[in-house]
Amino acid sequence: MPLLLKHTLDARLMEPPEPFRQVVAKLSRMRPGEYLIMQHRRIPYPLFEFCTRQSLRWRVVPVEGREEYLITVYFPADEDELRVTGAL
């Protein structure tokens, strides 16, 4: 089973539109076999529109006890491996 390459982005202290700019730049360079985990203080709905256009999937998980979210963005072909490894 191949290892997936993990990218990260901590957007919790960024002001709009910087989180969107940075995440789009990272996602535009990603290829199958790579995924991104973004920490954010809000749910970035415009990001999901971008992901849909790029045929990417995402998952949003609230961080317990904090006003923040972990957003995982990945290619559909990698979903099974991400689940097996516990990344999803």
N, C-alpha and C. Protein backbone atom coordinates (compact mmCIF):
# COMPACT_ATOMS: atom_id res chain seq x y z
N MET A 1 0.84 -1.17 0.00
CA MET A 1 0.00 0.00 0.00
C MET A 1 0.89 1.25 0.00
N PRO A 2 0.74 2.16 -0.96
CA PRO A 2 1.60 3.34 -1.02
C PRO A 2 1.25 4.34 0.08
N LEU A 3 2.24 5.11 0.50
CA LEU A 3 2.01 6.16 1.49
C LEU A 3 1.47 7.40 0.80
N LEU A 4 0.51 8.04 1.43
CA LEU A 4 -0.03 9.29 0.91
C LEU A 4 0.78 10.45 1.48
N LEU A 5 0.99 11.46 0.67
CA LEU A 5 1.73 12.64 1.10
C LEU A 5 0.76 13.64 1.71
N LYS A 6 1.03 14.01 2.96
CA LYS A 6 0.16 14.92 3.70
C LYS A 6 0.69 16.35 3.61
N HIS A 7 -0.19 17.29 3.28
CA HIS A 7 0.11 18.72 3.31
C HIS A 7 -0.71 19.33 4.43
N THR A 8 -0.22 20.40 5.03
CA THR A 8 -0.97 21.06 6.09
C THR A 8 -1.03 22.56 5.86
N LEU A 9 -2.06 23.17 6.44
CA LEU A 9 -2.20 24.62 6.42
C LEU A 9 -2.93 25.03 7.70
N ASP A 10 -2.29 25.87 8.50
CA ASP A 10 -2.91 26.40 9.71
C ASP A 10 -3.42 27.81 9.39
N ALA A 11 -4.72 27.93 9.22
CA ALA A 11 -5.34 29.21 8.84
C ALA A 11 -6.04 29.88 10.02
N ARG A 12 -5.86 29.38 11.21
CA ARG A 12 -6.60 29.88 12.36
C ARG A 12 -6.36 31.37 12.65
N LEU A 13 -5.18 31.86 12.37
CA LEU A 13 -4.87 33.26 12.67
C LEU A 13 -4.85 34.14 11.43
N MET A 14 -5.15 33.58 10.28
CA MET A 14 -5.14 34.35 9.03
C MET A 14 -6.44 35.13 8.87
N GLU A 15 -6.32 36.29 8.25
CA GLU A 15 -7.50 37.09 7.92
C GLU A 15 -7.91 36.81 6.48
N PRO A 16 -9.22 36.84 6.22
CA PRO A 16 -9.69 36.63 4.84
C PRO A 16 -9.14 37.73 3.93
N PRO A 17 -8.84 37.40 2.71
CA PRO A 17 -9.02 36.14 1.99
C PRO A 17 -7.77 35.26 1.99
N GLU A 18 -6.81 35.54 2.88
CA GLU A 18 -5.54 34.80 2.86
C GLU A 18 -5.70 33.29 3.01
N PRO A 19 -6.56 32.77 3.89
CA PRO A 19 -6.71 31.31 3.95
C PRO A 19 -7.12 30.71 2.62
N PHE A 20 -8.07 31.36 1.94
CA PHE A 20 -8.54 30.83 0.65
C PHE A 20 -7.41 30.88 -0.38
N ARG A 21 -6.69 31.97 -0.43
CA ARG A 21 -5.57 32.09 -1.39
C ARG A 21 -4.53 30.99 -1.17
N GLN A 22 -4.16 30.80 0.08
CA GLN A 22 -3.12 29.80 0.37
C GLN A 22 -3.59 28.37 0.11
N VAL A 23 -4.82 28.06 0.51
CA VAL A 23 -5.28 26.69 0.32
C VAL A 23 -5.47 26.39 -1.17
N VAL A 24 -5.96 27.34 -1.94
CA VAL A 24 -6.12 27.13 -3.39
C VAL A 24 -4.76 26.92 -4.04
N ALA A 25 -3.76 27.67 -3.62
CA ALA A 25 -2.41 27.49 -4.18
C ALA A 25 -1.90 26.09 -3.88
N LYS A 26 -2.09 25.61 -2.66
CA LYS A 26 -1.63 24.25 -2.31
C LYS A 26 -2.42 23.18 -3.08
N LEU A 27 -3.74 23.33 -3.11
CA LEU A 27 -4.57 22.33 -3.78
C LEU A 27 -4.31 22.29 -5.28
N SER A 28 -3.99 23.41 -5.87
CA SER A 28 -3.72 23.46 -7.31
C SER A 28 -2.47 22.68 -7.69
N ARG A 29 -1.58 22.49 -6.74
CA ARG A 29 -0.34 21.73 -6.99
C ARG A 29 -0.46 20.27 -6.60
N MET A 30 -1.50 19.91 -5.87
CA MET A 30 -1.65 18.53 -5.41
C MET A 30 -2.02 17.58 -6.54
N ARG A 31 -1.59 16.35 -6.39
CA ARG A 31 -1.89 15.28 -7.33
C ARG A 31 -2.46 14.09 -6.55
N PRO A 32 -3.10 13.14 -7.23
CA PRO A 32 -3.54 11.94 -6.52
C PRO A 32 -2.39 11.34 -5.72
N GLY A 33 -2.71 10.86 -4.53
CA GLY A 33 -1.68 10.36 -3.63
C GLY A 33 -1.27 11.41 -2.60
N GLU A 34 -1.86 12.59 -2.69
CA GLU A 34 -1.60 13.67 -1.75
C GLU A 34 -2.92 14.16 -1.17
N TYR A 35 -2.87 14.66 0.05
CA TYR A 35 -4.06 15.24 0.66
C TYR A 35 -3.64 16.40 1.56
N LEU A 36 -4.62 17.22 1.94
CA LEU A 36 -4.33 18.40 2.73
C LEU A 36 -5.21 18.43 3.97
N ILE A 37 -4.62 18.79 5.10
CA ILE A 37 -5.38 19.03 6.32
C ILE A 37 -5.20 20.50 6.68
N MET A 38 -6.32 21.18 6.80
CA MET A 38 -6.34 22.61 7.11
C MET A 38 -7.01 22.84 8.46
N GLN A 39 -6.37 23.62 9.31
CA GLN A 39 -6.97 24.04 10.56
C GLN A 39 -7.55 25.44 10.33
N HIS A 40 -8.80 25.62 10.74
CA HIS A 40 -9.47 26.90 10.48
C HIS A 40 -10.42 27.21 11.63
N ARG A 41 -10.66 28.48 11.88
CA ARG A 41 -11.58 28.87 12.95
C ARG A 41 -13.02 28.95 12.48
N ARG A 42 -13.23 28.78 11.17
CA ARG A 42 -14.60 28.77 10.64
C ARG A 42 -14.68 27.74 9.51
N ILE A 43 -15.88 27.44 9.07
CA ILE A 43 -16.06 26.51 7.96
C ILE A 43 -15.93 27.30 6.67
N PRO A 44 -14.96 26.97 5.83
CA PRO A 44 -14.69 27.75 4.61
C PRO A 44 -15.55 27.31 3.42
N TYR A 45 -16.80 27.72 3.42
CA TYR A 45 -17.74 27.28 2.38
C TYR A 45 -17.26 27.58 0.95
N PRO A 46 -16.65 28.74 0.66
CA PRO A 46 -16.16 28.96 -0.72
C PRO A 46 -15.14 27.91 -1.16
N LEU A 47 -14.40 27.36 -0.22
CA LEU A 47 -13.43 26.31 -0.55
C LEU A 47 -14.13 25.09 -1.13
N PHE A 48 -15.31 24.76 -0.64
CA PHE A 48 -16.01 23.57 -1.11
C PHE A 48 -16.46 23.72 -2.56
N GLU A 49 -16.81 24.93 -2.95
CA GLU A 49 -17.15 25.18 -4.36
C GLU A 49 -15.93 24.94 -5.24
N PHE A 50 -14.77 25.44 -4.80
CA PHE A 50 -13.52 25.22 -5.54
C PHE A 50 -13.24 23.72 -5.64
N CYS A 51 -13.37 23.01 -4.53
CA CYS A 51 -13.10 21.56 -4.51
C CYS A 51 -14.02 20.81 -5.47
N THR A 52 -15.28 21.18 -5.50
CA THR A 52 -16.22 20.53 -6.41
C THR A 52 -15.78 20.72 -7.86
N ARG A 53 -15.38 21.92 -8.21
CA ARG A 53 -14.92 22.18 -9.59
C ARG A 53 -13.65 21.40 -9.92
N GLN A 54 -12.82 21.12 -8.92
CA GLN A 54 -11.56 20.39 -9.13
C GLN A 54 -11.71 18.88 -8.91
N SER A 55 -12.93 18.41 -8.70
CA SER A 55 -13.22 16.99 -8.43
C SER A 55 -12.50 16.48 -7.19
N LEU A 56 -12.41 17.33 -6.17
CA LEU A 56 -11.83 16.96 -4.88
C LEU A 56 -12.95 16.74 -3.88
N ARG A 57 -12.67 15.93 -2.89
CA ARG A 57 -13.62 15.71 -1.80
C ARG A 57 -13.07 16.34 -0.54
N TRP A 58 -13.94 16.52 0.44
CA TRP A 58 -13.52 17.12 1.70
C TRP A 58 -14.32 16.54 2.85
N ARG A 59 -13.74 16.72 4.02
CA ARG A 59 -14.41 16.32 5.27
C ARG A 59 -14.11 17.40 6.30
N VAL A 60 -15.12 17.82 7.03
CA VAL A 60 -14.97 18.84 8.07
C VAL A 60 -15.27 18.20 9.42
N VAL A 61 -14.35 18.35 10.36
CA VAL A 61 -14.53 17.81 11.70
C VAL A 61 -14.31 18.94 12.71
N PRO A 62 -15.33 19.23 13.54
CA PRO A 62 -15.12 20.23 14.58
C PRO A 62 -14.14 19.71 15.63
N VAL A 63 -13.28 20.59 16.12
CA VAL A 63 -12.34 20.22 17.19
C VAL A 63 -13.09 20.38 18.51
N GLU A 64 -13.18 19.30 19.25
CA GLU A 64 -13.95 19.29 20.49
C GLU A 64 -13.43 20.32 21.49
N GLY A 65 -14.37 21.11 22.02
CA GLY A 65 -14.02 22.09 23.04
C GLY A 65 -13.38 23.36 22.52
N ARG A 66 -13.28 23.51 21.20
CA ARG A 66 -12.64 24.70 20.62
C ARG A 66 -13.48 25.19 19.45
N GLU A 67 -13.38 26.44 19.16
CA GLU A 67 -14.08 27.00 18.01
C GLU A 67 -13.16 26.92 16.80
N GLU A 68 -12.91 25.70 16.36
CA GLU A 68 -12.09 25.49 15.17
C GLU A 68 -12.45 24.17 14.52
N TYR A 69 -11.96 24.01 13.30
CA TYR A 69 -12.30 22.84 12.48
C TYR A 69 -11.05 22.29 11.82
N LEU A 70 -11.07 20.99 11.58
CA LEU A 70 -10.07 20.34 10.75
C LEU A 70 -10.76 19.98 9.45
N ILE A 71 -10.22 20.49 8.35
CA ILE A 71 -10.78 20.23 7.03
C ILE A 71 -9.78 19.39 6.25
N THR A 72 -10.20 18.22 5.84
CA THR A 72 -9.35 17.33 5.04
C THR A 72 -9.85 17.38 3.60
N VAL A 73 -8.94 17.66 2.67
CA VAL A 73 -9.27 17.72 1.24
C VAL A 73 -8.43 16.66 0.54
N TYR A 74 -9.08 15.86 -0.32
CA TYR A 74 -8.40 14.72 -0.91
C TYR A 74 -9.02 14.36 -2.26
N PHE A 75 -8.32 13.51 -2.99
CA PHE A 75 -8.82 12.98 -4.26
C PHE A 75 -9.68 11.75 -3.99
N PRO A 76 -10.79 11.60 -4.71
CA PRO A 76 -11.67 10.45 -4.50
C PRO A 76 -10.94 9.11 -4.56
N ALA A 77 -9.96 8.99 -5.44
CA ALA A 77 -9.24 7.72 -5.59
C ALA A 77 -8.45 7.35 -4.33
N ASP A 78 -8.18 8.32 -3.46
CA ASP A 78 -7.40 8.06 -2.25
C ASP A 78 -8.26 7.82 -1.01
N GLU A 79 -9.57 7.88 -1.16
CA GLU A 79 -10.46 7.81 0.01
C GLU A 79 -10.28 6.51 0.79
N ASP A 80 -10.25 5.38 0.12
CA ASP A 80 -10.11 4.09 0.83
C ASP A 80 -8.83 4.05 1.63
N GLU A 81 -7.73 4.48 1.04
CA GLU A 81 -6.44 4.44 1.76
C GLU A 81 -6.44 5.42 2.94
N LEU A 82 -7.06 6.56 2.76
CA LEU A 82 -7.15 7.52 3.87
C LEU A 82 -7.97 6.94 5.02
N ARG A 83 -9.00 6.20 4.69
CA ARG A 83 -9.80 5.56 5.74
C ARG A 83 -9.01 4.46 6.45
N VAL A 84 -8.29 3.66 5.67
CA VAL A 84 -7.49 2.57 6.27
C VAL A 84 -6.42 3.13 7.21
N THR A 85 -5.81 4.25 6.83
CA THR A 85 -4.74 4.82 7.64
C THR A 85 -5.26 5.67 8.79
N GLY A 86 -6.60 5.91 8.83
CA GLY A 86 -7.17 6.70 9.90
C GLY A 86 -7.17 8.19 9.64
N ALA A 87 -6.77 8.61 8.46
CA ALA A 87 -6.75 10.04 8.15
C ALA A 87 -8.16 10.58 7.88
N LEU A 88 -9.10 9.69 7.59
CA LEU A 88 -10.51 10.08 7.42
C LEU A 88 -11.37 9.35 8.44
